[in-house]
Amino acid sequence: GGVGKTALVKNVYDREKVNFPDAHAWIVVSKEYDVIDLLGTLLTKIQHRQESTTPPPLSVGAKSDVYDLTEAINKILQDKKCLIVLDDVWSKDAYNQMCNAFQGIHGSRVMITTRMEDVAALAQPKRRLVLQPLGSTESFKLFCSRAFHSNLNRECPLELKTVATKVVERCRGLPFALKP
């Protein structure tokens, strides 16, 4: 956690969702999840993108089940390109339980962020991006650019260099931790 997976994918999602005007959705999965809630959220988000003149194929309610939600999502996404982000996926089951809702949709993209190797292995090797912590030089530059943003060139004052170096070492190269 903290290496920048979500931040990177959010940047790509925000930039690319204009290329998927019919359907795009960001779904946070997390460690504890309910597949009906996830599919219901996805359905709600893609229904919202449809024209207001089109009646929704299914209202999400207490009687919705995985099959109904999957069918409704498939119906909306039929013949459309979609961009879906599943953020913070902790288990393969979470993806596997949802994937029928967007399988076989041509020209679409599903991005997953995860810290779990077995979840990442669901993607083809050429489509995986493994993020690494920053090196010590990059870490120090990032920390100083945030902590000393009002200083000339965002440089660390000489009298704080030792303390700043210790703080940066404790952050272990994680960009999230380096941004004060």
Protein backbone atom coordinates (compact mmCIF):
# COMPACT_ATOMS: atom_id res chain seq x y z
CA GLY A 1 0.00 0.00 0.00
CA GLY A 2 1.04 3.58 -0.65
CA VAL A 3 3.16 2.95 -3.73
CA GLY A 4 0.74 4.87 -5.97
CA LYS A 5 -1.39 2.22 -7.70
CA THR A 6 -4.71 4.00 -7.26
CA ALA A 7 -3.23 7.42 -8.00
CA LEU A 8 -1.72 6.17 -11.26
CA VAL A 9 -4.89 4.42 -12.42
CA LYS A 10 -7.02 7.43 -11.38
CA ASN A 11 -4.87 9.62 -13.61
CA VAL A 12 -5.35 7.24 -16.56
CA TYR A 13 -9.08 6.84 -15.85
CA ASP A 14 -9.69 10.59 -15.68
CA ARG A 15 -7.80 11.11 -18.94
CA GLU A 16 -9.32 8.19 -20.87
CA LYS A 17 -12.97 8.11 -19.74
CA VAL A 18 -13.82 10.68 -22.42
CA ASN A 19 -13.07 7.92 -24.94
CA PHE A 20 -15.80 5.80 -23.30
CA PRO A 21 -18.75 8.21 -23.17
CA ASP A 22 -21.39 5.46 -23.05
CA ALA A 23 -20.07 3.61 -20.03
CA HIS A 24 -17.32 4.16 -17.53
CA ALA A 25 -17.26 3.35 -13.84
CA TRP A 26 -14.88 3.34 -10.89
CA ILE A 27 -15.70 0.67 -8.30
CA VAL A 28 -13.83 0.32 -4.99
CA VAL A 29 -13.82 -3.36 -4.08
CA SER A 30 -11.76 -3.54 -0.84
CA LYS A 31 -11.00 -6.53 1.35
CA GLU A 32 -14.56 -6.99 2.59
CA TYR A 33 -17.03 -6.83 -0.27
CA ASP A 34 -20.48 -7.99 -1.30
CA VAL A 35 -20.72 -8.95 -4.97
CA ILE A 36 -24.37 -7.88 -5.20
CA ASP A 37 -23.43 -4.44 -3.84
CA LEU A 38 -20.54 -4.19 -6.31
CA LEU A 39 -22.66 -5.20 -9.30
CA GLY A 40 -25.46 -2.91 -8.12
CA THR A 41 -23.00 -0.01 -7.93
CA LEU A 42 -21.69 -0.80 -11.40
CA LEU A 43 -25.22 -1.00 -12.80
CA THR A 44 -26.18 2.30 -11.18
CA LYS A 45 -23.10 4.05 -12.56
CA ILE A 46 -23.54 2.81 -16.13
CA GLN A 47 -27.30 3.43 -16.07
CA HIS A 48 -26.56 7.01 -15.07
CA ARG A 49 -24.52 7.41 -18.27
CA GLN A 50 -27.46 6.35 -20.46
CA GLU A 51 -29.77 8.90 -21.99
CA SER A 52 -32.62 9.87 -19.69
CA THR A 53 -35.13 8.77 -22.32
CA THR A 54 -34.04 5.14 -22.06
CA PRO A 55 -35.86 3.29 -19.26
CA PRO A 56 -33.50 1.41 -16.93
CA PRO A 57 -33.54 -2.36 -17.53
CA LEU A 58 -33.54 -3.16 -13.81
CA SER A 59 -33.91 -1.26 -10.60
CA VAL A 60 -31.38 -2.26 -7.99
CA GLY A 61 -33.29 -3.45 -4.97
CA ALA A 62 -33.46 -6.02 -2.24
CA LYS A 63 -34.58 -8.75 -4.69
CA SER A 64 -31.69 -8.28 -7.12
CA ASP A 65 -29.36 -11.22 -7.45
CA VAL A 66 -26.04 -11.76 -9.21
CA TYR A 67 -27.69 -13.21 -12.31
CA ASP A 68 -30.22 -10.36 -12.69
CA LEU A 69 -27.58 -7.69 -12.15
CA THR A 70 -25.17 -9.37 -14.58
CA GLU A 71 -27.86 -9.63 -17.25
CA ALA A 72 -28.86 -5.98 -16.79
CA ILE A 73 -25.24 -4.83 -17.04
CA ASN A 74 -24.67 -6.98 -20.15
CA LYS A 75 -27.79 -5.53 -21.76
CA ILE A 76 -26.63 -1.94 -21.22
CA LEU A 77 -23.06 -2.62 -22.31
CA GLN A 78 -24.06 -4.57 -25.42
CA ASP A 79 -22.48 -2.89 -28.48
CA LYS A 80 -20.78 -0.26 -26.30
CA LYS A 81 -17.20 0.34 -25.29
CA CYS A 82 -16.75 0.67 -21.56
CA LEU A 83 -13.96 1.55 -19.15
CA ILE A 84 -14.23 -0.07 -15.73
CA VAL A 85 -11.81 0.26 -12.83
CA LEU A 86 -11.92 -2.23 -9.99
CA ASP A 87 -9.85 -0.53 -7.31
CA ASP A 88 -8.23 -2.29 -4.36
CA VAL A 89 -9.11 -5.89 -5.25
CA TRP A 90 -7.92 -8.27 -2.54
CA SER A 91 -9.05 -11.63 -3.94
CA LYS A 92 -9.44 -13.37 -7.26
CA ASP A 93 -12.97 -14.32 -6.23
CA ALA A 94 -14.02 -10.67 -6.19
CA TYR A 95 -13.01 -10.29 -9.84
CA ASN A 96 -14.27 -13.72 -10.88
CA GLN A 97 -17.70 -13.07 -9.37
CA MET A 98 -18.01 -9.80 -11.31
CA CYS A 99 -16.30 -10.62 -14.60
CA ASN A 100 -19.36 -12.17 -16.28
CA ALA A 101 -20.92 -8.71 -16.25
CA PHE A 102 -18.33 -7.39 -18.68
CA GLN A 103 -16.99 -10.41 -20.56
CA GLY A 104 -17.07 -10.36 -24.34
CA ILE A 105 -17.57 -6.63 -24.59
CA HIS A 106 -15.42 -5.61 -27.53
CA GLY A 107 -13.27 -2.49 -27.34
CA SER A 108 -13.71 -2.27 -23.58
CA ARG A 109 -11.10 -2.07 -20.85
CA VAL A 110 -11.12 -3.30 -17.27
CA MET A 111 -8.32 -2.08 -15.01
CA ILE A 112 -7.63 -3.59 -11.60
CA THR A 113 -5.51 -2.22 -8.78
CA THR A 114 -4.30 -4.75 -6.25
CA ARG A 115 -1.46 -5.51 -3.89
CA MET A 116 -2.08 -9.26 -4.24
CA GLU A 117 0.10 -11.22 -6.66
CA ASP A 118 -2.57 -13.84 -7.41
CA VAL A 119 -5.04 -11.11 -8.39
CA ALA A 120 -2.46 -9.42 -10.61
CA ALA A 121 -1.85 -12.80 -12.26
CA LEU A 122 -5.39 -12.61 -13.70
CA ALA A 123 -4.04 -10.15 -16.27
CA GLN A 124 -1.84 -11.18 -19.15
CA PRO A 125 1.85 -10.65 -18.30
CA LYS A 126 2.25 -7.90 -20.90
CA ARG A 127 -0.70 -6.02 -19.38
CA ARG A 128 0.60 -5.95 -15.80
CA LEU A 129 2.39 -3.01 -14.32
CA VAL A 130 4.30 -3.63 -11.11
CA LEU A 131 5.03 -0.46 -9.20
CA GLN A 132 8.12 -0.25 -7.04
CA PRO A 133 8.92 2.15 -4.21
CA LEU A 134 10.98 5.18 -5.16
CA GLY A 135 14.73 5.19 -4.76
CA SER A 136 16.36 7.34 -2.09
CA THR A 137 17.13 10.26 -4.44
CA GLU A 138 13.61 10.36 -5.90
CA SER A 139 12.11 9.97 -2.42
CA PHE A 140 14.09 12.89 -1.05
CA LYS A 141 13.16 15.09 -4.03
CA LEU A 142 9.46 14.26 -3.67
CA PHE A 143 9.48 14.89 0.06
CA CYS A 144 11.28 18.22 -0.30
CA SER A 145 9.07 19.37 -3.15
CA ARG A 146 6.04 18.91 -0.89
CA ALA A 147 7.48 19.87 2.50
CA PHE A 148 9.37 22.91 1.26
CA HIS A 149 7.14 24.01 -1.61
CA SER A 150 7.51 27.67 -0.69
CA ASN A 151 11.33 27.56 -0.66
CA LEU A 152 13.39 28.57 -3.66
CA ASN A 153 13.66 25.50 -5.94
CA ARG A 154 11.76 23.58 -3.25
CA GLU A 155 15.05 22.63 -1.64
CA CYS A 156 15.49 21.43 1.89
CA PRO A 157 17.14 23.99 4.19
CA LEU A 158 20.64 22.88 5.18
CA GLU A 159 19.78 22.87 8.90
CA LEU A 160 16.91 20.40 8.26
CA LYS A 161 18.72 18.02 5.90
CA THR A 162 19.54 15.42 8.59
CA VAL A 163 15.99 15.36 9.95
CA ALA A 164 14.50 15.31 6.44
CA THR A 165 16.74 12.40 5.46
CA LYS A 166 15.59 10.40 8.50
CA VAL A 167 11.93 11.11 7.69
CA VAL A 168 12.45 10.01 4.08
CA GLU A 169 14.18 6.79 5.19
CA ARG A 170 11.22 5.92 7.44
CA CYS A 171 8.83 6.33 4.48
CA ARG A 172 10.64 3.51 2.61
CA GLY A 173 10.12 5.05 -0.82
CA LEU A 174 6.32 5.07 -0.67
CA PRO A 175 5.02 8.18 -2.45
CA PHE A 176 1.86 8.28 -0.35
CA ALA A 177 3.90 8.45 2.86
CA LEU A 178 6.34 11.02 1.42
CA LYS A 179 3.70 13.66 0.75
CA PRO A 180 3.29 15.63 4.00
